[in-house]
N, C-alpha and C. Protein backbone atom coordinates (compact mmCIF):
# COMPACT_ATOMS: atom_id res chain seq x y z
N MET A 1 -17.32 -16.90 -3.94
CA MET A 1 -17.26 -15.79 -3.03
C MET A 1 -17.14 -14.52 -3.85
N VAL A 2 -17.86 -13.47 -3.45
CA VAL A 2 -17.76 -12.17 -4.10
C VAL A 2 -17.38 -11.15 -3.03
N LEU A 3 -16.34 -10.40 -3.30
CA LEU A 3 -15.84 -9.40 -2.37
C LEU A 3 -15.86 -8.03 -3.04
N THR A 4 -16.58 -7.09 -2.45
CA THR A 4 -16.56 -5.71 -2.91
C THR A 4 -15.37 -5.05 -2.24
N ALA A 5 -14.44 -4.55 -3.06
CA ALA A 5 -13.19 -4.03 -2.51
C ALA A 5 -12.57 -3.03 -3.47
N ARG A 6 -11.50 -2.40 -2.99
CA ARG A 6 -10.70 -1.50 -3.82
C ARG A 6 -9.34 -2.15 -4.06
N LEU A 7 -8.81 -1.95 -5.25
CA LEU A 7 -7.47 -2.42 -5.57
C LEU A 7 -6.47 -1.45 -4.97
N VAL A 8 -5.63 -1.91 -4.04
CA VAL A 8 -4.68 -1.01 -3.39
C VAL A 8 -3.23 -1.32 -3.74
N GLU A 9 -2.97 -2.48 -4.33
CA GLU A 9 -1.60 -2.81 -4.71
C GLU A 9 -1.63 -3.84 -5.83
N ARG A 10 -0.71 -3.68 -6.79
CA ARG A 10 -0.63 -4.64 -7.89
C ARG A 10 0.84 -4.87 -8.21
N GLY A 11 1.25 -6.14 -8.23
CA GLY A 11 2.61 -6.48 -8.60
C GLY A 11 2.78 -6.47 -10.11
N ALA A 12 3.99 -6.73 -10.55
CA ALA A 12 4.29 -6.81 -11.97
C ALA A 12 3.73 -8.11 -12.55
N LEU A 13 3.33 -8.07 -13.79
CA LEU A 13 2.86 -9.28 -14.47
C LEU A 13 3.99 -10.30 -14.49
N ARG A 14 3.67 -11.51 -14.10
CA ARG A 14 4.65 -12.61 -14.11
C ARG A 14 4.00 -13.80 -14.77
N TYR A 15 4.75 -14.87 -14.94
CA TYR A 15 4.22 -16.08 -15.57
C TYR A 15 4.46 -17.28 -14.68
N THR A 16 3.47 -18.16 -14.60
CA THR A 16 3.58 -19.38 -13.81
C THR A 16 4.51 -20.35 -14.54
N PRO A 17 4.97 -21.40 -13.86
CA PRO A 17 5.79 -22.41 -14.54
C PRO A 17 5.07 -23.03 -15.75
N ALA A 18 3.75 -23.01 -15.75
CA ALA A 18 2.97 -23.54 -16.88
C ALA A 18 2.83 -22.51 -18.00
N GLY A 19 3.39 -21.31 -17.80
CA GLY A 19 3.34 -20.28 -18.83
C GLY A 19 2.12 -19.39 -18.81
N LEU A 20 1.30 -19.47 -17.75
CA LEU A 20 0.11 -18.62 -17.63
C LEU A 20 0.47 -17.28 -17.00
N PRO A 21 -0.13 -16.19 -17.49
CA PRO A 21 0.12 -14.90 -16.85
C PRO A 21 -0.49 -14.88 -15.45
N ALA A 22 0.17 -14.17 -14.53
CA ALA A 22 -0.32 -14.10 -13.14
C ALA A 22 -0.04 -12.70 -12.59
N LEU A 23 -0.98 -12.21 -11.78
CA LEU A 23 -0.83 -10.92 -11.10
C LEU A 23 -1.09 -11.10 -9.61
N ASP A 24 -0.16 -10.61 -8.80
CA ASP A 24 -0.36 -10.57 -7.35
C ASP A 24 -0.95 -9.22 -7.00
N LEU A 25 -2.00 -9.23 -6.17
CA LEU A 25 -2.73 -8.02 -5.83
C LEU A 25 -2.96 -7.94 -4.33
N LYS A 26 -3.34 -6.74 -3.88
CA LYS A 26 -3.84 -6.57 -2.53
C LYS A 26 -5.14 -5.79 -2.65
N LEU A 27 -6.19 -6.29 -2.00
CA LEU A 27 -7.50 -5.67 -2.01
C LEU A 27 -7.84 -5.17 -0.62
N GLN A 28 -8.60 -4.06 -0.56
CA GLN A 28 -9.05 -3.51 0.72
C GLN A 28 -10.57 -3.43 0.71
N HIS A 29 -11.18 -3.98 1.74
CA HIS A 29 -12.64 -3.98 1.88
C HIS A 29 -13.01 -3.22 3.15
N GLU A 30 -14.07 -2.39 3.05
CA GLU A 30 -14.62 -1.70 4.22
C GLU A 30 -16.14 -1.72 4.10
N SER A 31 -16.80 -2.06 5.20
CA SER A 31 -18.27 -2.08 5.21
C SER A 31 -18.75 -2.03 6.66
N VAL A 32 -20.06 -2.03 6.81
CA VAL A 32 -20.68 -2.12 8.12
C VAL A 32 -21.55 -3.37 8.13
N ALA A 33 -21.38 -4.19 9.14
CA ALA A 33 -22.15 -5.42 9.27
C ALA A 33 -22.87 -5.42 10.62
N THR A 34 -23.92 -6.22 10.70
CA THR A 34 -24.65 -6.36 11.95
C THR A 34 -24.27 -7.68 12.59
N GLU A 35 -23.85 -7.59 13.85
CA GLU A 35 -23.46 -8.78 14.60
C GLU A 35 -24.19 -8.75 15.94
N ASP A 36 -25.03 -9.73 16.16
CA ASP A 36 -25.81 -9.83 17.39
C ASP A 36 -26.59 -8.54 17.66
N GLY A 37 -27.16 -7.99 16.58
CA GLY A 37 -27.98 -6.80 16.70
C GLY A 37 -27.22 -5.48 16.77
N GLN A 38 -25.92 -5.53 16.73
CA GLN A 38 -25.09 -4.34 16.84
C GLN A 38 -24.36 -4.09 15.52
N SER A 39 -24.25 -2.81 15.13
CA SER A 39 -23.49 -2.46 13.93
C SER A 39 -22.00 -2.55 14.24
N ARG A 40 -21.28 -3.05 13.27
CA ARG A 40 -19.84 -3.21 13.43
C ARG A 40 -19.14 -2.83 12.14
N LYS A 41 -18.12 -1.99 12.23
CA LYS A 41 -17.34 -1.63 11.05
C LYS A 41 -16.39 -2.79 10.73
N VAL A 42 -16.38 -3.18 9.48
CA VAL A 42 -15.53 -4.27 9.03
C VAL A 42 -14.51 -3.68 8.07
N SER A 43 -13.25 -3.97 8.29
CA SER A 43 -12.19 -3.48 7.42
C SER A 43 -11.13 -4.57 7.31
N LEU A 44 -10.69 -4.86 6.09
CA LEU A 44 -9.65 -5.86 5.93
C LEU A 44 -8.87 -5.62 4.65
N GLU A 45 -7.65 -6.09 4.64
CA GLU A 45 -6.84 -6.17 3.44
C GLU A 45 -6.54 -7.63 3.22
N ILE A 46 -6.61 -8.06 1.97
CA ILE A 46 -6.37 -9.45 1.65
C ILE A 46 -5.49 -9.55 0.41
N LYS A 47 -4.57 -10.49 0.45
CA LYS A 47 -3.75 -10.77 -0.72
C LYS A 47 -4.60 -11.54 -1.71
N ALA A 48 -4.40 -11.21 -2.99
CA ALA A 48 -5.20 -11.85 -4.03
C ALA A 48 -4.29 -12.21 -5.21
N LEU A 49 -4.80 -13.10 -6.06
CA LEU A 49 -4.06 -13.58 -7.20
C LEU A 49 -5.01 -13.76 -8.38
N GLY A 50 -4.60 -13.27 -9.53
CA GLY A 50 -5.33 -13.52 -10.77
C GLY A 50 -4.42 -14.30 -11.70
N VAL A 51 -4.95 -15.37 -12.30
CA VAL A 51 -4.17 -16.21 -13.21
C VAL A 51 -4.94 -16.39 -14.50
N GLY A 52 -4.25 -16.27 -15.62
CA GLY A 52 -4.86 -16.50 -16.92
C GLY A 52 -5.49 -15.24 -17.48
N ALA A 53 -6.63 -15.41 -18.17
CA ALA A 53 -7.29 -14.32 -18.88
C ALA A 53 -7.71 -13.17 -17.96
N ILE A 54 -7.98 -13.43 -16.70
CA ILE A 54 -8.42 -12.39 -15.77
C ILE A 54 -7.32 -11.35 -15.53
N THR A 55 -6.07 -11.68 -15.83
CA THR A 55 -4.99 -10.72 -15.61
C THR A 55 -5.14 -9.47 -16.48
N GLN A 56 -5.76 -9.60 -17.65
CA GLN A 56 -5.92 -8.44 -18.53
C GLN A 56 -6.82 -7.38 -17.91
N PRO A 57 -8.07 -7.71 -17.48
CA PRO A 57 -8.89 -6.67 -16.84
C PRO A 57 -8.32 -6.21 -15.50
N LEU A 58 -7.66 -7.10 -14.76
CA LEU A 58 -7.05 -6.68 -13.49
C LEU A 58 -5.89 -5.73 -13.72
N GLY A 59 -5.13 -5.95 -14.78
CA GLY A 59 -4.02 -5.08 -15.11
C GLY A 59 -4.47 -3.70 -15.57
N ALA A 60 -5.67 -3.62 -16.15
CA ALA A 60 -6.21 -2.35 -16.64
C ALA A 60 -6.89 -1.55 -15.54
N LEU A 61 -7.20 -2.18 -14.41
CA LEU A 61 -7.90 -1.51 -13.32
C LEU A 61 -6.95 -0.55 -12.60
N ALA A 62 -7.37 0.70 -12.46
CA ALA A 62 -6.53 1.71 -11.80
C ALA A 62 -6.46 1.44 -10.29
N LEU A 63 -5.30 1.73 -9.70
CA LEU A 63 -5.17 1.60 -8.25
C LEU A 63 -6.20 2.51 -7.58
N GLY A 64 -6.84 2.01 -6.55
CA GLY A 64 -7.88 2.75 -5.84
C GLY A 64 -9.27 2.50 -6.39
N SER A 65 -9.36 1.83 -7.54
CA SER A 65 -10.66 1.57 -8.15
C SER A 65 -11.42 0.50 -7.38
N PRO A 66 -12.74 0.72 -7.21
CA PRO A 66 -13.56 -0.31 -6.56
C PRO A 66 -14.00 -1.35 -7.59
N GLY A 67 -14.36 -2.52 -7.09
CA GLY A 67 -14.88 -3.56 -7.97
C GLY A 67 -15.49 -4.67 -7.15
N ASP A 68 -16.23 -5.52 -7.83
CA ASP A 68 -16.75 -6.75 -7.24
C ASP A 68 -15.90 -7.88 -7.77
N PHE A 69 -15.08 -8.44 -6.91
CA PHE A 69 -14.13 -9.48 -7.27
C PHE A 69 -14.71 -10.83 -6.87
N ALA A 70 -14.85 -11.73 -7.83
CA ALA A 70 -15.39 -13.06 -7.55
C ALA A 70 -14.25 -14.08 -7.64
N GLY A 71 -14.32 -15.10 -6.80
CA GLY A 71 -13.30 -16.14 -6.83
C GLY A 71 -13.45 -17.07 -5.65
N PHE A 72 -12.33 -17.60 -5.19
CA PHE A 72 -12.34 -18.56 -4.09
C PHE A 72 -11.13 -18.34 -3.19
N LEU A 73 -11.25 -18.80 -1.95
CA LEU A 73 -10.16 -18.71 -0.98
C LEU A 73 -9.40 -20.03 -0.93
N ALA A 74 -8.09 -19.92 -0.80
CA ALA A 74 -7.24 -21.09 -0.61
C ALA A 74 -6.10 -20.68 0.32
N THR A 75 -5.44 -21.66 0.89
CA THR A 75 -4.29 -21.34 1.73
C THR A 75 -3.12 -20.95 0.83
N THR A 76 -2.20 -20.17 1.39
CA THR A 76 -1.00 -19.80 0.65
C THR A 76 -0.11 -21.04 0.53
N ARG A 77 0.88 -20.94 -0.32
CA ARG A 77 1.77 -22.09 -0.55
C ARG A 77 2.43 -22.58 0.73
N ASN A 78 2.76 -21.66 1.62
CA ASN A 78 3.41 -22.08 2.87
C ASN A 78 2.40 -22.46 3.95
N GLY A 79 1.09 -22.33 3.63
CA GLY A 79 0.05 -22.74 4.58
C GLY A 79 -0.16 -21.76 5.72
N ARG A 80 0.40 -20.56 5.62
CA ARG A 80 0.30 -19.58 6.72
C ARG A 80 -0.56 -18.40 6.37
N GLY A 81 -1.71 -18.62 5.84
CA GLY A 81 -2.59 -17.52 5.52
C GLY A 81 -3.52 -17.88 4.38
N LEU A 82 -4.36 -16.92 4.02
CA LEU A 82 -5.32 -17.12 2.94
C LEU A 82 -4.94 -16.30 1.73
N LEU A 83 -5.29 -16.81 0.56
CA LEU A 83 -5.07 -16.12 -0.70
C LEU A 83 -6.38 -16.18 -1.47
N PHE A 84 -6.86 -15.02 -1.91
CA PHE A 84 -8.09 -14.91 -2.67
C PHE A 84 -7.75 -15.05 -4.15
N HIS A 85 -8.17 -16.13 -4.78
CA HIS A 85 -7.94 -16.37 -6.20
C HIS A 85 -9.10 -15.75 -6.98
N ILE A 86 -8.82 -14.71 -7.74
CA ILE A 86 -9.86 -13.98 -8.47
C ILE A 86 -10.13 -14.69 -9.80
N THR A 87 -11.40 -14.99 -10.04
CA THR A 87 -11.79 -15.64 -11.30
C THR A 87 -12.59 -14.73 -12.21
N SER A 88 -13.22 -13.67 -11.65
CA SER A 88 -13.93 -12.71 -12.48
C SER A 88 -14.03 -11.38 -11.76
N LEU A 89 -14.28 -10.34 -12.56
CA LEU A 89 -14.35 -8.98 -12.05
C LEU A 89 -15.60 -8.33 -12.62
N ALA A 90 -16.39 -7.68 -11.73
CA ALA A 90 -17.59 -7.00 -12.21
C ALA A 90 -17.53 -5.53 -11.87
């Protein structure tokens, strides 16, 4: 999955129990999509996570900066929502 979004929030660098660096983020996406022939404004904020080597470029990205974030969706640990796991940044 690739999401074009802006970085709106970044937590402090932390480490997983396995010793990997991890960053908790919040991304904001806005676009216009066509649904049943009608234009529709799409806006969302999603929690995201970067683990490992990707934390370096994510940590260097300024708040408000746009980017193409690639990764996958998974449920949160408590199973009450989605978390976007970022694997690369373009």
